[in-house]
C-alpha atoms as a PDB file:
ATOM      1  CA  VAL A   1       0.000   0.000   0.000  1.00  0.00           C
ATOM      2  CA  MET A   2       1.348   3.401  -1.015  1.00  0.00           C
ATOM      3  CA  GLN A   3       0.305   6.572   0.750  1.00  0.00           C
ATOM      4  CA  PHE A   4       0.841  10.173  -0.193  1.00  0.00           C
ATOM      5  CA  GLY A   5      -0.446  13.497   0.996  1.00  0.00           C
ATOM      6  CA  VAL A   6      -1.127  16.839  -0.607  1.00  0.00           C
ATOM      7  CA  THR A   7      -1.059  20.138   1.207  1.00  0.00           C
ATOM      8  CA  VAL A   8      -2.628  23.204  -0.361  1.00  0.00           C
ATOM      9  CA  HIS A   9      -1.314  26.552   0.862  1.00  0.00           C
ATOM     10  CA  VAL A  10      -3.690  29.425   0.424  1.00  0.00           C
ATOM     11  CA  SER A  11      -1.090  32.148   0.451  1.00  0.00           C
ATOM     12  CA  GLY A  12       1.161  34.050  -1.927  1.00  0.00           C
ATOM     13  CA  ALA A  13       0.289  36.895  -4.225  1.00  0.00           C
ATOM     14  CA  LEU A  14      -1.184  34.500  -6.762  1.00  0.00           C
ATOM     15  CA  LEU A  15      -3.916  33.365  -4.365  1.00  0.00           C
ATOM     16  CA  THR A  16      -4.321  36.091  -1.766  1.00  0.00           C
ATOM     17  CA  GLY A  17      -2.433  39.157  -2.946  1.00  0.00           C
ATOM     18  CA  ASP A  18      -2.314  41.290  -6.027  1.00  0.00           C
ATOM     19  CA  PRO A  19      -0.596  39.259  -8.773  1.00  0.00           C
ATOM     20  CA  ALA A  20      -0.808  42.117 -11.276  1.00  0.00           C
ATOM     21  CA  ALA A  21       1.110  44.405  -8.908  1.00  0.00           C
ATOM     22  CA  THR A  22       3.760  41.714  -8.419  1.00  0.00           C
ATOM     23  CA  LEU A  23       4.114  41.267 -12.180  1.00  0.00           C
ATOM     24  CA  ASP A  24       4.187  45.002 -12.888  1.00  0.00           C
ATOM     25  CA  ALA A  25       6.774  45.769 -10.210  1.00  0.00           C
ATOM     26  CA  ASN A  26       9.130  43.018 -11.345  1.00  0.00           C
ATOM     27  CA  ILE A  27       8.728  43.755 -15.050  1.00  0.00           C
ATOM     28  CA  GLU A  28       9.455  47.442 -14.405  1.00  0.00           C
ATOM     29  CA  ALA A  29      12.510  46.510 -12.321  1.00  0.00           C
ATOM     30  CA  ALA A  30      13.750  44.143 -15.045  1.00  0.00           C
ATOM     31  CA  VAL A  31      13.329  46.738 -17.799  1.00  0.00           C
ATOM     32  CA  THR A  32      15.020  49.400 -15.649  1.00  0.00           C
ATOM     33  CA  GLU A  33      18.003  47.152 -14.891  1.00  0.00           C
ATOM     34  CA  ALA A  34      18.282  46.064 -18.539  1.00  0.00           C
ATOM     35  CA  THR A  35      18.105  49.663 -19.761  1.00  0.00           C
ATOM     36  CA  HIS A  36      20.869  50.840 -17.406  1.00  0.00           C
ATOM     37  CA  PHE A  37      22.947  47.770 -18.328  1.00  0.00           C
ATOM     38  CA  LEU A  38      22.639  48.679 -22.029  1.00  0.00           C
ATOM     39  CA  GLU A  39      23.443  52.327 -21.321  1.00  0.00           C
ATOM     40  CA  THR A  40      26.760  51.237 -19.785  1.00  0.00           C
ATOM     41  CA  GLN A  41      27.522  48.841 -22.647  1.00  0.00           C
ATOM     42  CA  ILE A  42      26.743  51.470 -25.305  1.00  0.00           C
ATOM     43  CA  LYS A  43      28.879  54.119 -23.587  1.00  0.00           C
ATOM     44  CA  MET A  44      31.795  51.652 -23.455  1.00  0.00           C
ATOM     45  CA  ARG A  45      31.590  51.325 -27.266  1.00  0.00           C
ATOM     46  CA  THR A  46      31.208  55.038 -27.998  1.00  0.00           C
ATOM     47  CA  PRO A  47      34.204  56.857 -29.538  1.00  0.00           C
ATOM     48  CA  HIS A  48      35.662  59.382 -27.080  1.00  0.00           C
ATOM     49  CA  ARG A  49      37.140  62.314 -28.954  1.00  0.00           C
ATOM     50  CA  THR A  50      35.829  64.921 -26.498  1.00  0.00           C
ATOM     51  CA  GLY A  51      33.571  62.722 -24.377  1.00  0.00           C
ATOM     52  CA  ASN A  52      30.507  64.833 -25.196  1.00  0.00           C
ATOM     53  CA  LEU A  53      28.745  62.084 -27.142  1.00  0.00           C
ATOM     54  CA  SER A  54      29.295  59.497 -24.424  1.00  0.00           C
ATOM     55  CA  LYS A  55      28.112  61.917 -21.719  1.00  0.00           C
ATOM     56  CA  SER A  56      24.962  62.653 -23.734  1.00  0.00           C
ATOM     57  CA  ILE A  57      23.896  58.987 -23.900  1.00  0.00           C
ATOM     58  CA  GLN A  58      21.298  58.463 -21.198  1.00  0.00           C
ATOM     59  CA  ALA A  59      18.846  55.827 -20.064  1.00  0.00           C
ATOM     60  CA  GLU A  60      15.440  57.468 -19.882  1.00  0.00           C
ATOM     61  CA  ASP A  61      12.729  56.545 -17.395  1.00  0.00           C
ATOM     62  CA  ILE A  62      10.858  53.479 -18.511  1.00  0.00           C
ATOM     63  CA  GLN A  63       7.635  54.066 -20.400  1.00  0.00           C
ATOM     64  CA  GLY A  64       4.335  52.201 -20.238  1.00  0.00           C
ATOM     65  CA  LYS A  65       4.379  51.277 -16.566  1.00  0.00           C
ATOM     66  CA  GLY A  66       1.405  49.067 -15.743  1.00  0.00           C
ATOM     67  CA  THR A  67       0.610  48.385 -19.413  1.00  0.00           C
ATOM     68  CA  PRO A  68       1.295  45.329 -21.601  1.00  0.00           C
ATOM     69  CA  VAL A  69       4.196  47.157 -23.316  1.00  0.00           C
ATOM     70  CA  VAL A  70       6.903  48.469 -20.999  1.00  0.00           C
ATOM     71  CA  LYS A  71       9.855  50.168 -22.724  1.00  0.00           C
ATOM     72  CA  GLY A  72      13.307  51.220 -21.653  1.00  0.00           C
ATOM     73  CA  ILE A  73      15.061  53.772 -23.851  1.00  0.00           C
ATOM     74  CA  VAL A  74      18.747  54.563 -24.231  1.00  0.00           C
ATOM     75  CA  ALA A  75      19.178  57.682 -26.349  1.00  0.00           C
ATOM     76  CA  THR A  76      21.220  60.772 -27.088  1.00  0.00           C
ATOM     77  CA  SER A  77      20.238  64.270 -28.130  1.00  0.00           C
ATOM     78  CA  GLN A  78      23.490  64.885 -30.036  1.00  0.00           C
ATOM     79  CA  SER A  79      22.742  65.480 -33.728  1.00  0.00           C
ATOM     80  CA  TYR A  80      26.000  63.829 -34.830  1.00  0.00           C
ATOM     81  CA  ALA A  81      25.256  60.550 -33.010  1.00  0.00           C
ATOM     82  CA  LEU A  82      23.562  58.928 -36.028  1.00  0.00           C
ATOM     83  CA  PRO A  83      26.520  59.457 -38.412  1.00  0.00           C
ATOM     84  CA  VAL A  84      28.884  58.175 -35.692  1.00  0.00           C
ATOM     85  CA  GLU A  85      26.633  55.116 -35.257  1.00  0.00           C
ATOM     86  CA  THR A  86      26.061  54.269 -38.930  1.00  0.00           C
ATOM     87  CA  GLY A  87      29.136  55.758 -40.610  1.00  0.00           C
ATOM     88  CA  THR A  88      29.375  58.287 -43.413  1.00  0.00           C
ATOM     89  CA  GLY A  89      30.403  58.364 -47.035  1.00  0.00           C
ATOM     90  CA  ILE A  90      31.241  54.971 -48.537  1.00  0.00           C
ATOM     91  CA  TYR A  91      30.959  53.423 -45.052  1.00  0.00           C
ATOM     92  CA  GLY A  92      27.518  54.865 -44.359  1.00  0.00           C
ATOM     93  CA  PRO A  93      24.015  53.856 -45.391  1.00  0.00           C
ATOM     94  CA  LYS A  94      24.225  55.612 -48.791  1.00  0.00           C
ATOM     95  CA  GLN A  95      27.706  54.189 -49.567  1.00  0.00           C
ATOM     96  CA  VAL A  96      28.661  57.284 -51.578  1.00  0.00           C
ATOM     97  CA  PRO A  97      31.815  59.372 -50.969  1.00  0.00           C
ATOM     98  CA  PHE A  98      31.569  63.076 -50.152  1.00  0.00           C
ATOM     99  CA  VAL A  99      32.645  65.561 -52.778  1.00  0.00           C
ATOM    100  CA  ILE A 100      33.516  68.969 -51.375  1.00  0.00           C
ATOM    101  CA  LYS A 101      33.729  71.702 -54.014  1.00  0.00           C
ATOM    102  CA  ALA A 102      35.194  75.155 -53.678  1.00  0.00           C
ATOM    103  CA  LYS A 103      32.907  78.128 -54.173  1.00  0.00           C
ATOM    104  CA  PRO A 104      33.092  79.699 -57.663  1.00  0.00           C
ATOM    105  CA  GLY A 105      36.328  81.648 -58.065  1.00  0.00           C
ATOM    106  CA  LYS A 106      37.785  80.122 -54.883  1.00  0.00           C
ATOM    107  CA  ALA A 107      39.943  77.120 -54.041  1.00  0.00           C
ATOM    108  CA  LEU A 108      40.258  74.660 -51.184  1.00  0.00           C
ATOM    109  CA  PHE A 109      43.467  74.646 -49.184  1.00  0.00           C
ATOM    110  CA  TRP A 110      44.481  73.276 -45.802  1.00  0.00           C
ATOM    111  CA  PRO A 111      47.737  72.999 -43.897  1.00  0.00           C
ATOM    112  CA  GLY A 112      49.810  70.209 -45.428  1.00  0.00           C
ATOM    113  CA  ALA A 113      48.098  70.346 -48.840  1.00  0.00           C
ATOM    114  CA  ASP A 114      50.463  70.444 -51.810  1.00  0.00           C
ATOM    115  CA  HIS A 115      48.459  73.140 -53.589  1.00  0.00           C
ATOM    116  CA  PRO A 116      44.952  74.638 -53.673  1.00  0.00           C
ATOM    117  CA  VAL A 117      42.332  72.420 -55.330  1.00  0.00           C
ATOM    118  CA  LYS A 118      38.854  72.946 -56.801  1.00  0.00           C
ATOM    119  CA  GLN A 119      37.349  69.864 -55.164  1.00  0.00           C
ATOM    120  CA  VAL A 120      38.228  66.963 -52.903  1.00  0.00           C
ATOM    121  CA  THR A 121      36.612  63.541 -52.494  1.00  0.00           C
ATOM    122  CA  ILE A 122      36.409  62.118 -48.978  1.00  0.00           C
ATOM    123  CA  LYS A 123      35.659  58.461 -48.346  1.00  0.00           C
ATOM    124  CA  GLY A 124      33.930  59.143 -45.022  1.00  0.00           C
ATOM    125  CA  MET A 125      34.236  57.388 -41.682  1.00  0.00           C
ATOM    126  CA  VAL A 126      33.419  53.893 -40.521  1.00  0.00           C
ATOM    127  CA  GLY A 127      30.470  53.735 -38.128  1.00  0.00           C
ATOM    128  CA  ALA A 128      31.103  52.840 -34.493  1.00  0.00           C
ATOM    129  CA  HIS A 129      27.769  50.945 -34.241  1.00  0.00           C
ATOM    130  CA  MET A 130      27.844  51.484 -30.482  1.00  0.00           C
ATOM    131  CA  PHE A 131      24.072  51.144 -30.068  1.00  0.00           C
ATOM    132  CA  GLU A 132      23.736  48.172 -32.420  1.00  0.00           C
ATOM    133  CA  ASN A 133      26.724  46.282 -31.010  1.00  0.00           C
ATOM    134  CA  GLY A 134      25.937  47.256 -27.433  1.00  0.00           C
ATOM    135  CA  PHE A 135      22.651  45.398 -27.843  1.00  0.00           C
ATOM    136  CA  LYS A 136      23.778  42.507 -30.064  1.00  0.00           C
ATOM    137  CA  GLU A 137      26.843  41.659 -27.992  1.00  0.00           C
ATOM    138  CA  ASN A 138      24.905  41.618 -24.733  1.00  0.00           C
ATOM    139  CA  THR A 139      21.852  39.465 -25.396  1.00  0.00           C
ATOM    140  CA  ALA A 140      23.162  36.870 -22.904  1.00  0.00           C
ATOM    141  CA  GLY A 141      23.399  39.554 -20.211  1.00  0.00           C
ATOM    142  CA  LEU A 142      19.870  40.719 -21.003  1.00  0.00           C
ATOM    143  CA  ASP A 143      18.620  37.122 -20.890  1.00  0.00           C
ATOM    144  CA  ARG A 144      20.147  36.742 -17.406  1.00  0.00           C
ATOM    145  CA  ILE A 145      18.463  39.919 -16.167  1.00  0.00           C
ATOM    146  CA  PHE A 146      15.028  38.861 -17.407  1.00  0.00           C
ATOM    147  CA  ALA A 147      15.480  35.272 -16.208  1.00  0.00           C
ATOM    148  CA  LYS A 148      16.347  36.590 -12.738  1.00  0.00           C
ATOM    149  CA  TYR A 149      13.153  38.658 -12.583  1.00  0.00           C
ATOM    150  CA  GLY A 150      11.088  35.822 -14.095  1.00  0.00           C
ATOM    151  CA  LEU A 151      12.234  33.575 -11.264  1.00  0.00           C
ATOM    152  CA  LYS A 152      11.528  36.365  -8.772  1.00  0.00           C
ATOM    153  CA  ILE A 153       7.970  36.665 -10.114  1.00  0.00           C
ATOM    154  CA  VAL A 154       7.351  32.922  -9.786  1.00  0.00           C
ATOM    155  CA  THR A 155       8.807  32.927  -6.271  1.00  0.00           C
ATOM    156  CA  GLU A 156       6.774  35.914  -5.098  1.00  0.00           C
ATOM    157  CA  LEU A 157       3.543  34.571  -6.575  1.00  0.00           C
ATOM    158  CA  SER A 158       3.977  31.208  -4.880  1.00  0.00           C
ATOM    159  CA  GLN A 159       5.150  32.283  -1.409  1.00  0.00           C
END
């Protein structure tokens, strides 16, 4: 003869508390942690000529709290961030070099140039892809953050 017993606990947020509040709080915490994690990773990959671009990259407050879509945003207000991210000239999205022409009756000259010229072609610069690579290279870290909060949700709902 085999015997077994079952005990039902009527406790935990799932049965007696507010499961939606538990979910919302943990999802918001996960998105906040992930957003700040990405901010750090993106800044580490940002070129530092003056440091202004890196300083301008910020994690904004999460959006959509308490809704089905909660977003964390890492952004910059610097207008030159997009060309630094994607590249310019032949290395950029258009893949076309820059041609700089002198104004009519004028010439281009700079220190070190052999002689004045009417126009110059510039290849452009390779993009740093700090936002793209900051995300792509850290999916495992993001997975760990969300797995940690997923486990926390399950634990809190069942306690």
